[in-house]
Protein backbone atom coordinates (compact mmCIF):
# COMPACT_ATOMS: atom_id res chain seq x y z
CA UNK A 1 -0.19 2.53 -3.37
CA UNK A 2 1.13 4.77 -6.20
CA UNK A 3 4.93 5.18 -6.38
CA UNK A 4 6.23 8.46 -5.19
CA UNK A 5 9.54 10.17 -6.00
CA UNK A 6 11.93 9.49 -3.33
CA UNK A 7 10.03 6.44 -1.79
CA UNK A 8 12.97 4.09 -2.42
CA UNK A 9 15.23 6.30 -0.53
CA UNK A 10 12.91 6.86 2.28
CA UNK A 11 12.42 3.12 2.58
CA UNK A 12 16.12 2.57 2.61
CA UNK A 13 16.51 5.12 5.48
CA UNK A 14 13.71 3.64 7.33
CA UNK A 15 15.25 0.19 6.91
CA UNK A 16 18.57 1.29 8.41
CA UNK A 17 16.80 2.68 11.47
CA UNK A 18 14.92 -0.57 12.00
CA UNK A 19 17.93 -2.68 11.45
CA UNK A 20 19.82 -0.68 14.17
CA UNK A 21 16.79 -1.31 16.46
CA UNK A 22 17.27 -5.06 15.77
CA UNK A 23 14.25 -5.55 13.58
CA UNK A 24 15.90 -7.16 10.69
CA UNK A 25 12.71 -8.66 9.23
CA UNK A 26 10.94 -5.28 8.75
CA UNK A 27 14.14 -3.70 7.55
CA UNK A 28 14.33 -6.44 4.89
CA UNK A 29 10.76 -5.84 3.81
CA UNK A 30 11.50 -2.13 3.26
CA UNK A 31 14.78 -2.69 1.54
CA UNK A 32 13.31 -5.31 -0.77
CA UNK A 33 10.55 -2.73 -1.80
CA UNK A 34 13.12 -0.16 -2.27
CA UNK A 35 15.13 -2.34 -4.58
CA UNK A 36 12.04 -3.20 -6.50
CA UNK A 37 11.26 0.48 -6.87
CA UNK A 38 14.74 1.52 -7.73
CA UNK A 39 17.12 -1.17 -8.63
CA UNK A 40 19.79 1.09 -9.40
CA UNK A 41 19.80 2.48 -5.93
CA UNK A 42 23.11 1.29 -4.50
CA UNK A 43 22.48 1.83 -0.82
CA UNK A 44 19.31 -0.31 -0.99
CA UNK A 45 21.16 -3.24 -2.73
CA UNK A 46 24.09 -3.02 -0.36
CA UNK A 47 21.91 -2.65 2.90
CA UNK A 48 19.86 -5.47 1.82
CA UNK A 49 22.97 -7.61 1.57
CA UNK A 50 23.97 -6.56 5.07
CA UNK A 51 20.58 -7.25 6.61
CA UNK A 52 20.57 -10.65 4.98
CA UNK A 53 24.06 -11.39 6.25
CA UNK A 54 23.07 -10.46 9.75
CA UNK A 55 20.33 -13.16 9.31
CA UNK A 56 23.03 -15.56 8.32
CA UNK A 57 21.61 -15.79 4.80
CA UNK A 58 25.09 -15.43 3.25
CA UNK A 59 24.31 -16.84 -0.12
CA UNK A 60 21.62 -14.56 -0.82
CA UNK A 61 23.37 -11.63 0.78
CA UNK A 62 26.29 -11.85 -1.72
CA UNK A 63 24.18 -11.31 -4.65
CA UNK A 64 22.96 -7.93 -3.42
CA UNK A 65 26.41 -6.93 -2.38
CA UNK A 66 27.76 -7.76 -5.85
CA UNK A 67 24.85 -5.64 -7.26
CA UNK A 68 25.92 -2.75 -5.14
CA UNK A 69 29.50 -3.05 -6.21
CA UNK A 70 28.43 -3.27 -9.90
CA UNK A 71 26.20 -0.10 -9.54
CA UNK A 72 29.38 1.52 -8.28
CA UNK A 73 31.16 0.72 -11.53
CA UNK A 74 33.64 -1.85 -9.98
CA UNK A 75 34.01 -5.34 -11.02
CA UNK A 76 33.16 -7.67 -7.94
CA UNK A 77 35.90 -10.04 -9.14
CA UNK A 78 38.40 -7.24 -8.69
CA UNK A 79 37.76 -7.51 -4.83
CA UNK A 80 39.42 -11.02 -4.68
């Protein structure tokens, strides 16, 4: 597949819908692709962290949550 403008955002939106339906595995797949396509997309990083946390994969989730905070321009250490 060739990358299309807006694909990362569409995948992030689709993942949110899948997660709400209880399909965390498919949501994770779409979010990982969104992060790969657009690593600067804060919503994809943050939502991937949420999906992983819902799967009790906390250690992995923290990295994505911290990435989202960094993209927001805030230092994760400031949240302590």
